[in-house]
């Protein structure tokens, strides 16, 4: 399962504004993920890259690897008001 449509910020803004939405705000959504989680996800999604990521994070102290870090992963937060509100 994956997203069917991906939008650039300017495109989603234009789409909402031309269909009657107002007060459109589009900004980067930061996702808090730990390095350990990222390495585990790479193991499944990109097995060739996972060993490199694992070796790189092995030199990082354990508390830092377990700590969630805010990462910009291409997601966005879109807020808008419906017409007439």
C-alpha atoms as a PDB file:
ATOM      1  CA  UNK A   1       0.000   0.000   0.000  1.00  0.00           C
ATOM      2  CA  UNK A   2       1.256   3.418  -0.919  1.00  0.00           C
ATOM      3  CA  UNK A   3      -0.017   6.866  -1.752  1.00  0.00           C
ATOM      4  CA  UNK A   4      -1.770   7.118  -5.088  1.00  0.00           C
ATOM      5  CA  UNK A   5      -0.967  10.802  -5.609  1.00  0.00           C
ATOM      6  CA  UNK A   6       2.004  12.880  -4.618  1.00  0.00           C
ATOM      7  CA  UNK A   7       1.768  16.658  -4.697  1.00  0.00           C
ATOM      8  CA  UNK A   8       4.343  19.430  -4.764  1.00  0.00           C
ATOM      9  CA  UNK A   9       3.525  22.162  -2.228  1.00  0.00           C
ATOM     10  CA  UNK A  10       2.654  24.681  -4.972  1.00  0.00           C
ATOM     11  CA  UNK A  11       0.373  22.152  -6.679  1.00  0.00           C
ATOM     12  CA  UNK A  12      -1.626  21.247  -3.561  1.00  0.00           C
ATOM     13  CA  UNK A  13      -1.942  24.949  -2.683  1.00  0.00           C
ATOM     14  CA  UNK A  14      -3.232  25.793  -6.183  1.00  0.00           C
ATOM     15  CA  UNK A  15      -5.628  22.820  -6.177  1.00  0.00           C
ATOM     16  CA  UNK A  16      -7.153  23.811  -2.838  1.00  0.00           C
ATOM     17  CA  UNK A  17      -7.396  27.508  -3.688  1.00  0.00           C
ATOM     18  CA  UNK A  18      -9.036  26.889  -7.083  1.00  0.00           C
ATOM     19  CA  UNK A  19     -11.627  24.584  -5.480  1.00  0.00           C
ATOM     20  CA  UNK A  20     -12.745  27.169  -2.913  1.00  0.00           C
ATOM     21  CA  UNK A  21     -10.542  26.492   0.116  1.00  0.00           C
ATOM     22  CA  UNK A  22      -9.043  29.513   1.865  1.00  0.00           C
ATOM     23  CA  UNK A  23      -6.287  30.227   4.346  1.00  0.00           C
ATOM     24  CA  UNK A  24      -4.174  27.484   2.792  1.00  0.00           C
ATOM     25  CA  UNK A  25      -0.983  26.779   4.723  1.00  0.00           C
ATOM     26  CA  UNK A  26       1.548  24.271   3.394  1.00  0.00           C
ATOM     27  CA  UNK A  27       4.704  23.422   5.326  1.00  0.00           C
ATOM     28  CA  UNK A  28       7.185  20.631   5.860  1.00  0.00           C
ATOM     29  CA  UNK A  29       6.063  17.887   8.219  1.00  0.00           C
ATOM     30  CA  UNK A  30       8.891  16.614  10.391  1.00  0.00           C
ATOM     31  CA  UNK A  31       8.689  12.968  11.390  1.00  0.00           C
ATOM     32  CA  UNK A  32      10.425  11.944  14.639  1.00  0.00           C
ATOM     33  CA  UNK A  33      12.318   8.692  13.997  1.00  0.00           C
ATOM     34  CA  UNK A  34      15.176   7.015  15.827  1.00  0.00           C
ATOM     35  CA  UNK A  35      18.301   5.907  13.994  1.00  0.00           C
ATOM     36  CA  UNK A  36      17.579   2.333  15.129  1.00  0.00           C
ATOM     37  CA  UNK A  37      14.136   2.503  13.519  1.00  0.00           C
ATOM     38  CA  UNK A  38      15.537   3.917  10.267  1.00  0.00           C
ATOM     39  CA  UNK A  39      18.142   1.149  10.063  1.00  0.00           C
ATOM     40  CA  UNK A  40      15.474  -1.503  10.668  1.00  0.00           C
ATOM     41  CA  UNK A  41      13.251  -0.026   7.952  1.00  0.00           C
ATOM     42  CA  UNK A  42      16.188   0.019   5.540  1.00  0.00           C
ATOM     43  CA  UNK A  43      16.715  -3.671   6.241  1.00  0.00           C
ATOM     44  CA  UNK A  44      13.305  -4.280   4.674  1.00  0.00           C
ATOM     45  CA  UNK A  45      13.136  -1.559   2.026  1.00  0.00           C
ATOM     46  CA  UNK A  46      16.751  -1.372   0.847  1.00  0.00           C
ATOM     47  CA  UNK A  47      18.783  -4.415   1.970  1.00  0.00           C
ATOM     48  CA  UNK A  48      21.872  -3.219   0.085  1.00  0.00           C
ATOM     49  CA  UNK A  49      21.996   0.048   2.032  1.00  0.00           C
ATOM     50  CA  UNK A  50      21.098  -1.404   5.441  1.00  0.00           C
ATOM     51  CA  UNK A  51      24.588  -2.767   6.307  1.00  0.00           C
ATOM     52  CA  UNK A  52      26.151   0.622   5.572  1.00  0.00           C
ATOM     53  CA  UNK A  53      23.593   2.387   7.752  1.00  0.00           C
ATOM     54  CA  UNK A  54      24.037  -0.192  10.516  1.00  0.00           C
ATOM     55  CA  UNK A  55      27.845   0.200  10.448  1.00  0.00           C
ATOM     56  CA  UNK A  56      27.521   3.986  10.516  1.00  0.00           C
ATOM     57  CA  UNK A  57      25.135   4.018  13.465  1.00  0.00           C
ATOM     58  CA  UNK A  58      27.252   1.470  15.370  1.00  0.00           C
ATOM     59  CA  UNK A  59      29.651   4.274  16.308  1.00  0.00           C
ATOM     60  CA  UNK A  60      26.821   6.418  17.698  1.00  0.00           C
ATOM     61  CA  UNK A  61      26.121   6.064  21.441  1.00  0.00           C
ATOM     62  CA  UNK A  62      23.070   3.895  22.155  1.00  0.00           C
ATOM     63  CA  UNK A  63      20.979   6.683  23.788  1.00  0.00           C
ATOM     64  CA  UNK A  64      21.413   8.844  20.680  1.00  0.00           C
ATOM     65  CA  UNK A  65      20.433   5.959  18.363  1.00  0.00           C
ATOM     66  CA  UNK A  66      17.253   5.372  20.369  1.00  0.00           C
ATOM     67  CA  UNK A  67      16.317   9.053  20.557  1.00  0.00           C
ATOM     68  CA  UNK A  68      13.717  10.275  18.038  1.00  0.00           C
ATOM     69  CA  UNK A  69      15.175  12.868  15.679  1.00  0.00           C
ATOM     70  CA  UNK A  70      12.886  15.132  13.610  1.00  0.00           C
ATOM     71  CA  UNK A  71      13.504  14.299   9.950  1.00  0.00           C
ATOM     72  CA  UNK A  72      12.060  15.994   6.852  1.00  0.00           C
ATOM     73  CA  UNK A  73      11.085  12.997   4.710  1.00  0.00           C
ATOM     74  CA  UNK A  74       9.227  14.787   1.945  1.00  0.00           C
ATOM     75  CA  UNK A  75       5.915  14.865   3.763  1.00  0.00           C
ATOM     76  CA  UNK A  76       3.932  18.045   4.205  1.00  0.00           C
ATOM     77  CA  UNK A  77       1.301  19.400   6.531  1.00  0.00           C
ATOM     78  CA  UNK A  78      -1.579  21.126   4.734  1.00  0.00           C
ATOM     79  CA  UNK A  79      -4.159  23.216   6.590  1.00  0.00           C
ATOM     80  CA  UNK A  80      -7.075  25.020   4.919  1.00  0.00           C
ATOM     81  CA  UNK A  81     -10.525  26.393   5.742  1.00  0.00           C
ATOM     82  CA  UNK A  82     -13.595  25.191   3.891  1.00  0.00           C
ATOM     83  CA  UNK A  83     -15.421  27.760   1.798  1.00  0.00           C
ATOM     84  CA  UNK A  84     -17.682  30.009   3.865  1.00  0.00           C
ATOM     85  CA  UNK A  85     -15.951  29.342   7.184  1.00  0.00           C
END
